[in-house]
């Protein structure tokens, strides 16, 4: 059973969540809706899943938006569409990501190039471009805001089978810290969450299979995170109370990996 997100006070803000079709993104969208915010549910390909997310949200004023984040022109259009539909985007959550297996010893050079290109296009450039487009609209409107990036524990401990994923998540953390300094004078706080293993639809087979016990044993709690636990961290970092946490990278991994 999922863990309940305890929402902060209702703010009635416009929130754009990328990759909200299912998993962590769906939990984040639901958490913001639950506290009274209007949510733009973004999807790239899983439109049916995104429509299911949209239909499940509490409250009113929610909208579905679709775009390939690897296409800079579509990213710009996405920011404009969400701005108009929500009456302004006050919070951006960069959650969408791709994870393509490409262990170096077993991957052709052509496959290596393609994995890096696609991963960087979505995970890094997509998030960077959307952050630019949304933040510029906040600045032009004189509107304070929040940007929260979903990074990864893998940025610190490494991803041997998915090196491009680990590298782009590390870059996302660094991007968030750079933007935190750049955008603070405009009242825009930027932070990142670095989850460990999370029980989502995408990894259900691994958790239920032979490696499941080993994955759960990575944490001294003997389990993996629920998506709602990541959503809870995002809610805090996006809240008015968390402005002084701008620039942080918050580990949410159940003590499965401790940074020094």
C-alpha atoms as a PDB file:
ATOM      1  CA  UNK A   1       0.000   0.000   0.000  1.00  0.00           C
ATOM      2  CA  UNK A   2       1.291   3.471  -0.876  1.00  0.00           C
ATOM      3  CA  UNK A   3       2.269   5.915   1.829  1.00  0.00           C
ATOM      4  CA  UNK A   4       0.166   9.038   2.169  1.00  0.00           C
ATOM      5  CA  UNK A   5       1.717  12.349   1.212  1.00  0.00           C
ATOM      6  CA  UNK A   6       1.109  14.938   3.882  1.00  0.00           C
ATOM      7  CA  UNK A   7       0.551  18.110   1.912  1.00  0.00           C
ATOM      8  CA  UNK A   8       1.580  21.582   2.944  1.00  0.00           C
ATOM      9  CA  UNK A   9      -0.952  24.369   2.836  1.00  0.00           C
ATOM     10  CA  UNK A  10      -3.025  24.717  -0.316  1.00  0.00           C
ATOM     11  CA  UNK A  11      -1.549  27.342  -2.602  1.00  0.00           C
ATOM     12  CA  UNK A  12      -3.625  27.160  -5.777  1.00  0.00           C
ATOM     13  CA  UNK A  13      -0.538  27.342  -7.970  1.00  0.00           C
ATOM     14  CA  UNK A  14      -0.007  26.212 -11.546  1.00  0.00           C
ATOM     15  CA  UNK A  15       2.281  23.166 -11.623  1.00  0.00           C
ATOM     16  CA  UNK A  16       3.836  21.500 -14.676  1.00  0.00           C
ATOM     17  CA  UNK A  17       5.040  17.936 -14.059  1.00  0.00           C
ATOM     18  CA  UNK A  18       6.932  16.244 -16.880  1.00  0.00           C
ATOM     19  CA  UNK A  19       6.721  12.496 -17.337  1.00  0.00           C
ATOM     20  CA  UNK A  20       3.527  12.310 -15.280  1.00  0.00           C
ATOM     21  CA  UNK A  21       1.918   9.359 -17.076  1.00  0.00           C
ATOM     22  CA  UNK A  22       2.704   6.939 -14.269  1.00  0.00           C
ATOM     23  CA  UNK A  23       5.164   6.119 -11.505  1.00  0.00           C
ATOM     24  CA  UNK A  24       6.896   8.961  -9.696  1.00  0.00           C
ATOM     25  CA  UNK A  25       5.437  11.605 -12.018  1.00  0.00           C
ATOM     26  CA  UNK A  26       1.885  10.433 -11.373  1.00  0.00           C
ATOM     27  CA  UNK A  27       2.459  10.485  -7.612  1.00  0.00           C
ATOM     28  CA  UNK A  28       3.873  14.011  -7.818  1.00  0.00           C
ATOM     29  CA  UNK A  29       0.937  15.253  -9.879  1.00  0.00           C
ATOM     30  CA  UNK A  30      -1.522  13.700  -7.429  1.00  0.00           C
ATOM     31  CA  UNK A  31       0.236  15.252  -4.446  1.00  0.00           C
ATOM     32  CA  UNK A  32       0.080  18.772  -5.879  1.00  0.00           C
ATOM     33  CA  UNK A  33      -3.568  18.330  -6.902  1.00  0.00           C
ATOM     34  CA  UNK A  34      -4.405  17.074  -3.429  1.00  0.00           C
ATOM     35  CA  UNK A  35      -3.183  20.294  -1.867  1.00  0.00           C
ATOM     36  CA  UNK A  36      -5.258  22.439  -4.219  1.00  0.00           C
ATOM     37  CA  UNK A  37      -2.865  23.196  -7.089  1.00  0.00           C
ATOM     38  CA  UNK A  38      -3.698  23.055 -10.802  1.00  0.00           C
ATOM     39  CA  UNK A  39      -1.552  20.500 -12.606  1.00  0.00           C
ATOM     40  CA  UNK A  40      -0.393  20.164 -16.193  1.00  0.00           C
ATOM     41  CA  UNK A  41       0.219  16.437 -16.714  1.00  0.00           C
ATOM     42  CA  UNK A  42       2.921  16.012 -19.353  1.00  0.00           C
ATOM     43  CA  UNK A  43       3.474  12.919 -21.438  1.00  0.00           C
ATOM     44  CA  UNK A  44       5.589  12.032 -24.422  1.00  0.00           C
ATOM     45  CA  UNK A  45       4.212   8.724 -25.688  1.00  0.00           C
ATOM     46  CA  UNK A  46       2.017   7.151 -22.981  1.00  0.00           C
ATOM     47  CA  UNK A  47      -1.057   9.267 -23.632  1.00  0.00           C
ATOM     48  CA  UNK A  48      -3.549   6.697 -22.329  1.00  0.00           C
ATOM     49  CA  UNK A  49      -1.648   6.467 -19.053  1.00  0.00           C
ATOM     50  CA  UNK A  50      -1.468  10.258 -18.869  1.00  0.00           C
ATOM     51  CA  UNK A  51      -5.209  10.518 -19.376  1.00  0.00           C
ATOM     52  CA  UNK A  52      -5.649   8.058 -16.517  1.00  0.00           C
ATOM     53  CA  UNK A  53      -3.450  10.248 -14.331  1.00  0.00           C
ATOM     54  CA  UNK A  54      -5.419  13.336 -15.301  1.00  0.00           C
ATOM     55  CA  UNK A  55      -8.764  11.679 -14.540  1.00  0.00           C
ATOM     56  CA  UNK A  56      -7.559  10.605 -11.100  1.00  0.00           C
ATOM     57  CA  UNK A  57      -6.516  14.059  -9.893  1.00  0.00           C
ATOM     58  CA  UNK A  58      -8.481  15.776  -7.164  1.00  0.00           C
ATOM     59  CA  UNK A  59      -9.803  19.271  -7.792  1.00  0.00           C
ATOM     60  CA  UNK A  60     -10.234  21.224 -11.003  1.00  0.00           C
ATOM     61  CA  UNK A  61      -8.215  23.115 -13.593  1.00  0.00           C
ATOM     62  CA  UNK A  62      -5.898  20.255 -14.553  1.00  0.00           C
ATOM     63  CA  UNK A  63      -4.778  19.702 -18.137  1.00  0.00           C
ATOM     64  CA  UNK A  64      -2.878  17.175 -20.246  1.00  0.00           C
ATOM     65  CA  UNK A  65       0.044  18.403 -22.361  1.00  0.00           C
ATOM     66  CA  UNK A  66       2.154  16.306 -24.731  1.00  0.00           C
ATOM     67  CA  UNK A  67       5.604  16.914 -26.155  1.00  0.00           C
ATOM     68  CA  UNK A  68       8.854  15.155 -27.022  1.00  0.00           C
ATOM     69  CA  UNK A  69      11.316  16.832 -24.649  1.00  0.00           C
ATOM     70  CA  UNK A  70      14.127  15.957 -27.021  1.00  0.00           C
ATOM     71  CA  UNK A  71      12.731  18.487 -29.526  1.00  0.00           C
ATOM     72  CA  UNK A  72      13.646  22.074 -28.498  1.00  0.00           C
ATOM     73  CA  UNK A  73      10.818  23.566 -30.566  1.00  0.00           C
ATOM     74  CA  UNK A  74       8.240  21.330 -28.895  1.00  0.00           C
ATOM     75  CA  UNK A  75       9.663  22.201 -25.486  1.00  0.00           C
ATOM     76  CA  UNK A  76       9.104  25.895 -26.167  1.00  0.00           C
ATOM     77  CA  UNK A  77       5.550  25.182 -27.320  1.00  0.00           C
ATOM     78  CA  UNK A  78       4.951  23.025 -24.231  1.00  0.00           C
ATOM     79  CA  UNK A  79       5.948  25.868 -21.907  1.00  0.00           C
ATOM     80  CA  UNK A  80       3.609  28.250 -23.721  1.00  0.00           C
ATOM     81  CA  UNK A  81       0.734  25.759 -23.681  1.00  0.00           C
ATOM     82  CA  UNK A  82       1.086  25.043 -19.976  1.00  0.00           C
ATOM     83  CA  UNK A  83       1.373  28.758 -19.195  1.00  0.00           C
ATOM     84  CA  UNK A  84      -1.872  29.510 -21.002  1.00  0.00           C
ATOM     85  CA  UNK A  85      -3.790  26.491 -19.707  1.00  0.00           C
ATOM     86  CA  UNK A  86      -2.848  27.010 -16.067  1.00  0.00           C
ATOM     87  CA  UNK A  87      -2.903  30.785 -16.054  1.00  0.00           C
ATOM     88  CA  UNK A  88       0.811  30.740 -15.294  1.00  0.00           C
ATOM     89  CA  UNK A  89       3.301  28.077 -14.264  1.00  0.00           C
ATOM     90  CA  UNK A  90       4.469  28.657 -10.702  1.00  0.00           C
ATOM     91  CA  UNK A  91       6.175  25.296 -10.228  1.00  0.00           C
ATOM     92  CA  UNK A  92       8.067  23.152 -12.732  1.00  0.00           C
ATOM     93  CA  UNK A  93       8.974  19.571 -11.855  1.00  0.00           C
ATOM     94  CA  UNK A  94      11.512  18.088 -14.266  1.00  0.00           C
ATOM     95  CA  UNK A  95      10.719  14.419 -13.764  1.00  0.00           C
ATOM     96  CA  UNK A  96      10.714  12.901 -17.274  1.00  0.00           C
ATOM     97  CA  UNK A  97      13.700  10.718 -18.110  1.00  0.00           C
ATOM     98  CA  UNK A  98      14.775   7.828 -20.289  1.00  0.00           C
ATOM     99  CA  UNK A  99      17.026   4.978 -19.185  1.00  0.00           C
ATOM    100  CA  UNK A 100      18.600   2.970 -21.984  1.00  0.00           C
ATOM    101  CA  UNK A 101      20.834   0.013 -21.114  1.00  0.00           C
ATOM    102  CA  UNK A 102      24.258   0.303 -22.788  1.00  0.00           C
ATOM    103  CA  UNK A 103      27.011  -1.376 -20.738  1.00  0.00           C
ATOM    104  CA  UNK A 104      30.277  -0.526 -22.458  1.00  0.00           C
ATOM    105  CA  UNK A 105      31.672  -4.089 -22.805  1.00  0.00           C
ATOM    106  CA  UNK A 106      28.521  -5.306 -24.560  1.00  0.00           C
ATOM    107  CA  UNK A 107      27.452  -2.303 -26.642  1.00  0.00           C
ATOM    108  CA  UNK A 108      28.443  -1.447 -30.202  1.00  0.00           C
ATOM    109  CA  UNK A 109      29.908   1.986 -30.863  1.00  0.00           C
ATOM    110  CA  UNK A 110      26.799   2.876 -32.855  1.00  0.00           C
ATOM    111  CA  UNK A 111      24.565   1.732 -30.002  1.00  0.00           C
ATOM    112  CA  UNK A 112      26.707   3.652 -27.523  1.00  0.00           C
ATOM    113  CA  UNK A 113      26.326   6.871 -29.510  1.00  0.00           C
ATOM    114  CA  UNK A 114      22.573   6.452 -29.835  1.00  0.00           C
ATOM    115  CA  UNK A 115      22.071   5.718 -26.130  1.00  0.00           C
ATOM    116  CA  UNK A 116      24.036   8.798 -25.100  1.00  0.00           C
ATOM    117  CA  UNK A 117      22.312  11.004 -27.656  1.00  0.00           C
ATOM    118  CA  UNK A 118      18.767  10.019 -26.707  1.00  0.00           C
ATOM    119  CA  UNK A 119      19.441  10.063 -22.972  1.00  0.00           C
ATOM    120  CA  UNK A 120      21.070  13.481 -23.063  1.00  0.00           C
ATOM    121  CA  UNK A 121      18.393  14.917 -25.344  1.00  0.00           C
ATOM    122  CA  UNK A 122      15.617  14.096 -22.887  1.00  0.00           C
ATOM    123  CA  UNK A 123      17.191  13.936 -19.435  1.00  0.00           C
ATOM    124  CA  UNK A 124      19.548  16.902 -19.727  1.00  0.00           C
ATOM    125  CA  UNK A 125      18.732  19.135 -22.679  1.00  0.00           C
ATOM    126  CA  UNK A 126      14.985  18.645 -22.329  1.00  0.00           C
ATOM    127  CA  UNK A 127      15.065  19.647 -18.670  1.00  0.00           C
ATOM    128  CA  UNK A 128      17.470  22.516 -19.309  1.00  0.00           C
ATOM    129  CA  UNK A 129      15.406  23.892 -22.189  1.00  0.00           C
ATOM    130  CA  UNK A 130      12.115  23.615 -20.325  1.00  0.00           C
ATOM    131  CA  UNK A 131      13.636  25.245 -17.248  1.00  0.00           C
ATOM    132  CA  UNK A 132      14.770  28.126 -19.466  1.00  0.00           C
ATOM    133  CA  UNK A 133      11.374  28.575 -21.103  1.00  0.00           C
ATOM    134  CA  UNK A 134       9.423  28.396 -17.847  1.00  0.00           C
ATOM    135  CA  UNK A 135      11.831  30.552 -15.841  1.00  0.00           C
ATOM    136  CA  UNK A 136      11.900  33.269 -18.487  1.00  0.00           C
ATOM    137  CA  UNK A 137       8.105  33.479 -18.314  1.00  0.00           C
ATOM    138  CA  UNK A 138       8.285  33.722 -14.524  1.00  0.00           C
ATOM    139  CA  UNK A 139      10.812  36.548 -14.790  1.00  0.00           C
ATOM    140  CA  UNK A 140       8.870  38.440 -17.449  1.00  0.00           C
ATOM    141  CA  UNK A 141       5.695  38.193 -15.362  1.00  0.00           C
ATOM    142  CA  UNK A 142       7.493  39.219 -12.180  1.00  0.00           C
ATOM    143  CA  UNK A 143       6.299  35.960 -10.634  1.00  0.00           C
ATOM    144  CA  UNK A 144       8.212  34.035  -7.985  1.00  0.00           C
ATOM    145  CA  UNK A 145       8.416  30.306  -8.568  1.00  0.00           C
ATOM    146  CA  UNK A 146       9.990  26.928  -7.952  1.00  0.00           C
ATOM    147  CA  UNK A 147      11.846  24.427 -10.107  1.00  0.00           C
ATOM    148  CA  UNK A 148      12.404  20.932  -8.720  1.00  0.00           C
ATOM    149  CA  UNK A 149      14.518  18.420 -10.631  1.00  0.00           C
ATOM    150  CA  UNK A 150      14.291  14.660 -10.166  1.00  0.00           C
ATOM    151  CA  UNK A 151      17.853  13.431 -10.155  1.00  0.00           C
ATOM    152  CA  UNK A 152      19.118  10.066  -8.946  1.00  0.00           C
ATOM    153  CA  UNK A 153      21.255   8.212  -6.458  1.00  0.00           C
ATOM    154  CA  UNK A 154      22.969   6.868  -9.568  1.00  0.00           C
ATOM    155  CA  UNK A 155      24.560  10.274 -10.141  1.00  0.00           C
ATOM    156  CA  UNK A 156      26.783   9.583  -7.130  1.00  0.00           C
ATOM    157  CA  UNK A 157      27.294   5.832  -6.951  1.00  0.00           C
ATOM    158  CA  UNK A 158      27.430   5.196 -10.715  1.00  0.00           C
ATOM    159  CA  UNK A 159      25.258   3.311 -13.213  1.00  0.00           C
ATOM    160  CA  UNK A 160      27.482   0.686 -14.892  1.00  0.00           C
ATOM    161  CA  UNK A 161      24.740  -0.592 -17.215  1.00  0.00           C
ATOM    162  CA  UNK A 162      23.286   2.882 -17.825  1.00  0.00           C
ATOM    163  CA  UNK A 163      26.246   5.281 -17.770  1.00  0.00           C
ATOM    164  CA  UNK A 164      24.478   7.994 -19.763  1.00  0.00           C
ATOM    165  CA  UNK A 165      21.631   7.969 -17.241  1.00  0.00           C
ATOM    166  CA  UNK A 166      23.994   8.411 -14.302  1.00  0.00           C
ATOM    167  CA  UNK A 167      25.934  11.140 -16.082  1.00  0.00           C
ATOM    168  CA  UNK A 168      22.847  13.116 -17.115  1.00  0.00           C
ATOM    169  CA  UNK A 169      21.405  12.898 -13.602  1.00  0.00           C
ATOM    170  CA  UNK A 170      24.663  14.260 -12.198  1.00  0.00           C
ATOM    171  CA  UNK A 171      24.405  17.050 -14.755  1.00  0.00           C
ATOM    172  CA  UNK A 172      20.819  17.752 -13.654  1.00  0.00           C
ATOM    173  CA  UNK A 173      22.023  18.195 -10.069  1.00  0.00           C
ATOM    174  CA  UNK A 174      24.695  20.616 -11.251  1.00  0.00           C
ATOM    175  CA  UNK A 175      22.214  22.461 -13.465  1.00  0.00           C
ATOM    176  CA  UNK A 176      19.897  22.906 -10.494  1.00  0.00           C
ATOM    177  CA  UNK A 177      22.661  24.406  -8.381  1.00  0.00           C
ATOM    178  CA  UNK A 178      23.709  26.798 -11.144  1.00  0.00           C
ATOM    179  CA  UNK A 179      20.133  27.936 -11.715  1.00  0.00           C
ATOM    180  CA  UNK A 180      19.568  28.309  -7.972  1.00  0.00           C
ATOM    181  CA  UNK A 181      22.250  31.010  -7.896  1.00  0.00           C
ATOM    182  CA  UNK A 182      21.186  32.589 -11.188  1.00  0.00           C
ATOM    183  CA  UNK A 183      17.468  32.776 -10.443  1.00  0.00           C
ATOM    184  CA  UNK A 184      17.435  33.644  -6.734  1.00  0.00           C
ATOM    185  CA  UNK A 185      17.352  37.418  -7.397  1.00  0.00           C
ATOM    186  CA  UNK A 186      14.015  36.826  -9.177  1.00  0.00           C
ATOM    187  CA  UNK A 187      12.497  34.889  -6.298  1.00  0.00           C
ATOM    188  CA  UNK A 188      12.831  31.549  -8.103  1.00  0.00           C
ATOM    189  CA  UNK A 189      14.173  28.694  -5.969  1.00  0.00           C
ATOM    190  CA  UNK A 190      15.655  25.605  -7.609  1.00  0.00           C
ATOM    191  CA  UNK A 191      16.418  22.270  -5.953  1.00  0.00           C
ATOM    192  CA  UNK A 192      16.793  18.587  -6.795  1.00  0.00           C
ATOM    193  CA  UNK A 193      15.685  15.267  -5.333  1.00  0.00           C
ATOM    194  CA  UNK A 194      17.961  12.233  -5.703  1.00  0.00           C
ATOM    195  CA  UNK A 195      15.863   9.079  -5.229  1.00  0.00           C
ATOM    196  CA  UNK A 196      17.188   5.590  -4.805  1.00  0.00           C
ATOM    197  CA  UNK A 197      15.244   2.569  -6.052  1.00  0.00           C
ATOM    198  CA  UNK A 198      11.517   3.319  -6.303  1.00  0.00           C
ATOM    199  CA  UNK A 199       8.679   0.824  -6.751  1.00  0.00           C
ATOM    200  CA  UNK A 200       7.182   1.869 -10.084  1.00  0.00           C
ATOM    201  CA  UNK A 201       5.524  -0.017 -12.915  1.00  0.00           C
ATOM    202  CA  UNK A 202       8.728   0.116 -14.949  1.00  0.00           C
ATOM    203  CA  UNK A 203      10.730  -1.930 -12.431  1.00  0.00           C
ATOM    204  CA  UNK A 204       7.978  -4.179 -11.054  1.00  0.00           C
ATOM    205  CA  UNK A 205       9.438  -7.202 -12.855  1.00  0.00           C
ATOM    206  CA  UNK A 206      12.836  -6.698 -11.232  1.00  0.00           C
ATOM    207  CA  UNK A 207      11.358  -6.348  -7.753  1.00  0.00           C
ATOM    208  CA  UNK A 208       9.224  -9.457  -8.174  1.00  0.00           C
ATOM    209  CA  UNK A 209      12.035 -11.499  -9.734  1.00  0.00           C
ATOM    210  CA  UNK A 210      15.185 -13.158  -8.383  1.00  0.00           C
ATOM    211  CA  UNK A 211      17.023  -9.864  -7.825  1.00  0.00           C
ATOM    212  CA  UNK A 212      14.184  -8.318  -5.812  1.00  0.00           C
ATOM    213  CA  UNK A 213      15.514  -9.374  -2.414  1.00  0.00           C
ATOM    214  CA  UNK A 214      18.934  -7.942  -3.182  1.00  0.00           C
ATOM    215  CA  UNK A 215      17.463  -4.640  -4.320  1.00  0.00           C
ATOM    216  CA  UNK A 216      15.422  -4.316  -1.135  1.00  0.00           C
ATOM    217  CA  UNK A 217      18.477  -5.196   0.947  1.00  0.00           C
ATOM    218  CA  UNK A 218      20.329  -2.142  -0.405  1.00  0.00           C
ATOM    219  CA  UNK A 219      18.485  -0.111   2.216  1.00  0.00           C
ATOM    220  CA  UNK A 220      18.772  -0.932   5.942  1.00  0.00           C
ATOM    221  CA  UNK A 221      14.982  -0.489   6.025  1.00  0.00           C
ATOM    222  CA  UNK A 222      14.753  -3.635   3.907  1.00  0.00           C
ATOM    223  CA  UNK A 223      12.502  -2.140   1.257  1.00  0.00           C
ATOM    224  CA  UNK A 224      12.425   0.307  -1.638  1.00  0.00           C
ATOM    225  CA  UNK A 225      10.645   3.659  -1.776  1.00  0.00           C
ATOM    226  CA  UNK A 226       7.045   4.230  -2.736  1.00  0.00           C
ATOM    227  CA  UNK A 227       6.541   6.935  -5.393  1.00  0.00           C
ATOM    228  CA  UNK A 228       4.563   8.922  -2.823  1.00  0.00           C
ATOM    229  CA  UNK A 229       7.683   9.279  -0.683  1.00  0.00           C
ATOM    230  CA  UNK A 230       9.483  11.007  -3.533  1.00  0.00           C
ATOM    231  CA  UNK A 231       6.418  13.185  -4.113  1.00  0.00           C
ATOM    232  CA  UNK A 232       6.496  14.253  -0.473  1.00  0.00           C
ATOM    233  CA  UNK A 233      10.065  15.535  -0.872  1.00  0.00           C
ATOM    234  CA  UNK A 234       9.103  17.395  -4.042  1.00  0.00           C
ATOM    235  CA  UNK A 235       6.146  19.028  -2.280  1.00  0.00           C
ATOM    236  CA  UNK A 236       8.439  20.352   0.408  1.00  0.00           C
ATOM    237  CA  UNK A 237      11.083  21.708  -1.970  1.00  0.00           C
ATOM    238  CA  UNK A 238       8.356  23.402  -4.051  1.00  0.00           C
ATOM    239  CA  UNK A 239       6.729  24.978  -1.008  1.00  0.00           C
ATOM    240  CA  UNK A 240       7.049  28.637   0.034  1.00  0.00           C
ATOM    241  CA  UNK A 241       8.663  27.398   3.253  1.00  0.00           C
ATOM    242  CA  UNK A 242      11.598  25.812   1.385  1.00  0.00           C
ATOM    243  CA  UNK A 243      13.077  28.887  -0.292  1.00  0.00           C
ATOM    244  CA  UNK A 244      16.197  28.608   1.875  1.00  0.00           C
ATOM    245  CA  UNK A 245      16.757  25.077   0.586  1.00  0.00           C
ATOM    246  CA  UNK A 246      17.375  26.424  -2.922  1.00  0.00           C
ATOM    247  CA  UNK A 247      20.437  24.780  -4.438  1.00  0.00           C
ATOM    248  CA  UNK A 248      20.152  21.607  -2.399  1.00  0.00           C
ATOM    249  CA  UNK A 249      20.260  18.035  -3.658  1.00  0.00           C
ATOM    250  CA  UNK A 250      18.044  16.049  -1.298  1.00  0.00           C
ATOM    251  CA  UNK A 251      18.850  12.346  -0.999  1.00  0.00           C
ATOM    252  CA  UNK A 252      15.697  10.218  -0.682  1.00  0.00           C
ATOM    253  CA  UNK A 253      17.132   6.724  -0.787  1.00  0.00           C
ATOM    254  CA  UNK A 254      16.452   5.084   2.584  1.00  0.00           C
ATOM    255  CA  UNK A 255      20.155   5.257   3.584  1.00  0.00           C
ATOM    256  CA  UNK A 256      21.002   2.917   0.700  1.00  0.00           C
ATOM    257  CA  UNK A 257      23.806   5.232  -0.375  1.00  0.00           C
ATOM    258  CA  UNK A 258      25.421   7.814   1.872  1.00  0.00           C
ATOM    259  CA  UNK A 259      27.432  10.676   0.420  1.00  0.00           C
ATOM    260  CA  UNK A 260      30.410  12.193   2.226  1.00  0.00           C
END
